[in-house]
Amino acid sequence: MANKFTKEQFLESKQFEQEERYLLTALLEAGKIYSMKEVKELLKKEKQRKVK
């Protein structure tokens, strides 16, 4: 089973760059837990999104 972490733990993580942590503040919900795989997929989708 994959480890799960809270939004706050991801925001404090040194694994992500500053711009990624900024995106995570908007993408992740407080009080919910996420796996590293879920978070990396969310970031990947957001970075590939086209701006209109």
N, C-alpha and C. Protein backbone atom coordinates (compact mmCIF):
# COMPACT_ATOMS: atom_id res chain seq x y z
N MET A 1 0.84 -1.19 0.00
CA MET A 1 0.00 0.00 0.00
C MET A 1 0.89 1.25 0.00
N ALA A 2 0.51 2.21 -0.80
CA ALA A 2 1.28 3.45 -0.91
C ALA A 2 1.07 4.33 0.32
N ASN A 3 2.11 5.04 0.70
CA ASN A 3 1.99 5.99 1.81
C ASN A 3 1.09 7.13 1.39
N LYS A 4 0.34 7.64 2.34
CA LYS A 4 -0.57 8.76 2.09
C LYS A 4 -0.16 9.94 2.96
N PHE A 5 -0.34 11.14 2.40
CA PHE A 5 0.06 12.35 3.09
C PHE A 5 -1.02 13.41 2.96
N THR A 6 -1.00 14.36 3.88
CA THR A 6 -1.95 15.47 3.85
C THR A 6 -1.44 16.59 2.95
N LYS A 7 -2.32 17.51 2.64
CA LYS A 7 -1.96 18.69 1.85
C LYS A 7 -0.80 19.43 2.51
N GLU A 8 -0.88 19.62 3.81
CA GLU A 8 0.14 20.35 4.54
C GLU A 8 1.50 19.67 4.44
N GLN A 9 1.51 18.34 4.51
CA GLN A 9 2.77 17.60 4.39
C GLN A 9 3.38 17.78 3.00
N PHE A 10 2.57 17.77 1.97
CA PHE A 10 3.09 17.97 0.62
C PHE A 10 3.63 19.39 0.46
N LEU A 11 2.96 20.36 1.05
CA LEU A 11 3.41 21.75 0.93
C LEU A 11 4.73 22.00 1.66
N GLU A 12 5.02 21.21 2.69
CA GLU A 12 6.27 21.34 3.43
C GLU A 12 7.39 20.50 2.82
N SER A 13 7.05 19.61 1.91
CA SER A 13 8.01 18.69 1.32
C SER A 13 9.05 19.40 0.47
N LYS A 14 10.30 18.97 0.60
CA LYS A 14 11.39 19.53 -0.21
C LYS A 14 11.46 18.82 -1.56
N GLN A 15 10.62 17.82 -1.78
CA GLN A 15 10.63 17.06 -3.02
C GLN A 15 10.08 17.86 -4.19
N PHE A 16 9.29 18.88 -3.89
CA PHE A 16 8.67 19.69 -4.93
C PHE A 16 9.31 21.06 -4.99
N GLU A 17 9.38 21.61 -6.19
CA GLU A 17 9.90 22.96 -6.37
C GLU A 17 8.86 23.97 -5.89
N GLN A 18 9.28 25.21 -5.74
CA GLN A 18 8.39 26.26 -5.23
C GLN A 18 7.13 26.40 -6.09
N GLU A 19 7.29 26.42 -7.42
CA GLU A 19 6.12 26.58 -8.29
C GLU A 19 5.17 25.39 -8.17
N GLU A 20 5.70 24.20 -7.94
CA GLU A 20 4.84 23.03 -7.76
C GLU A 20 4.07 23.11 -6.44
N ARG A 21 4.74 23.57 -5.40
CA ARG A 21 4.05 23.73 -4.11
C ARG A 21 2.96 24.79 -4.22
N TYR A 22 3.21 25.82 -5.00
CA TYR A 22 2.20 26.86 -5.23
C TYR A 22 0.97 26.24 -5.90
N LEU A 23 1.18 25.42 -6.93
CA LEU A 23 0.07 24.74 -7.60
C LEU A 23 -0.68 23.82 -6.63
N LEU A 24 0.06 23.14 -5.79
CA LEU A 24 -0.57 22.20 -4.85
C LEU A 24 -1.50 22.91 -3.86
N THR A 25 -1.19 24.17 -3.53
CA THR A 25 -2.08 24.90 -2.61
C THR A 25 -3.48 25.02 -3.21
N ALA A 26 -3.55 25.12 -4.54
CA ALA A 26 -4.85 25.25 -5.21
C ALA A 26 -5.45 23.90 -5.56
N LEU A 27 -4.64 22.92 -5.85
CA LEU A 27 -5.14 21.63 -6.33
C LEU A 27 -5.60 20.68 -5.22
N LEU A 28 -4.92 20.72 -4.08
CA LEU A 28 -5.23 19.76 -3.02
C LEU A 28 -6.25 20.34 -2.04
N GLU A 29 -7.08 19.45 -1.50
CA GLU A 29 -8.09 19.84 -0.53
C GLU A 29 -7.57 19.62 0.89
N ALA A 30 -7.83 20.57 1.76
CA ALA A 30 -7.44 20.44 3.16
C ALA A 30 -8.21 19.29 3.80
N GLY A 31 -7.54 18.53 4.64
CA GLY A 31 -8.18 17.44 5.35
C GLY A 31 -8.25 16.13 4.57
N LYS A 32 -7.88 16.14 3.32
CA LYS A 32 -7.89 14.94 2.50
C LYS A 32 -6.46 14.41 2.40
N ILE A 33 -6.33 13.08 2.24
CA ILE A 33 -5.00 12.51 2.11
C ILE A 33 -4.78 12.00 0.70
N TYR A 34 -3.53 12.08 0.24
CA TYR A 34 -3.16 11.74 -1.13
C TYR A 34 -1.91 10.89 -1.13
N SER A 35 -1.78 10.05 -2.15
CA SER A 35 -0.54 9.31 -2.35
C SER A 35 0.38 10.18 -3.21
N MET A 36 1.66 9.86 -3.20
CA MET A 36 2.62 10.61 -4.01
C MET A 36 2.27 10.48 -5.50
N LYS A 37 1.83 9.30 -5.90
CA LYS A 37 1.46 9.07 -7.30
C LYS A 37 0.30 9.98 -7.71
N GLU A 38 -0.72 10.09 -6.85
CA GLU A 38 -1.88 10.95 -7.15
C GLU A 38 -1.45 12.40 -7.33
N VAL A 39 -0.59 12.86 -6.45
CA VAL A 39 -0.16 14.26 -6.49
C VAL A 39 0.68 14.54 -7.73
N LYS A 40 1.57 13.61 -8.06
CA LYS A 40 2.40 13.81 -9.25
C LYS A 40 1.54 13.81 -10.52
N GLU A 41 0.49 12.99 -10.55
CA GLU A 41 -0.43 12.98 -11.70
C GLU A 41 -1.19 14.30 -11.79
N LEU A 42 -1.66 14.81 -10.66
CA LEU A 42 -2.36 16.10 -10.65
C LEU A 42 -1.45 17.21 -11.19
N LEU A 43 -0.20 17.23 -10.74
CA LEU A 43 0.74 18.25 -11.21
C LEU A 43 1.01 18.09 -12.70
N LYS A 44 1.18 16.87 -13.14
CA LYS A 44 1.45 16.61 -14.56
C LYS A 44 0.30 17.11 -15.43
N LYS A 45 -0.94 16.80 -15.03
CA LYS A 45 -2.12 17.25 -15.79
C LYS A 45 -2.19 18.76 -15.83
N GLU A 46 -1.94 19.39 -14.69
CA GLU A 46 -2.05 20.85 -14.61
C GLU A 46 -0.97 21.53 -15.46
N LYS A 47 0.21 20.98 -15.47
CA LYS A 47 1.31 21.58 -16.25
C LYS A 47 1.07 21.42 -17.76
N GLN A 48 0.34 20.39 -18.17
CA GLN A 48 0.07 20.16 -19.58
C GLN A 48 -1.16 20.91 -20.08
N ARG A 49 -1.93 21.46 -19.16
CA ARG A 49 -3.16 22.15 -19.51
C ARG A 49 -2.86 23.40 -20.33
N LYS A 50 -3.67 23.62 -21.35
CA LYS A 50 -3.52 24.79 -22.21
C LYS A 50 -4.24 25.98 -21.58
N VAL A 51 -3.62 27.13 -21.65
CA VAL A 51 -4.23 28.37 -21.16
C VAL A 51 -5.03 28.98 -22.30
N LYS A 52 -6.27 29.37 -21.99
CA LYS A 52 -7.14 29.96 -23.02
C LYS A 52 -7.24 31.45 -22.83
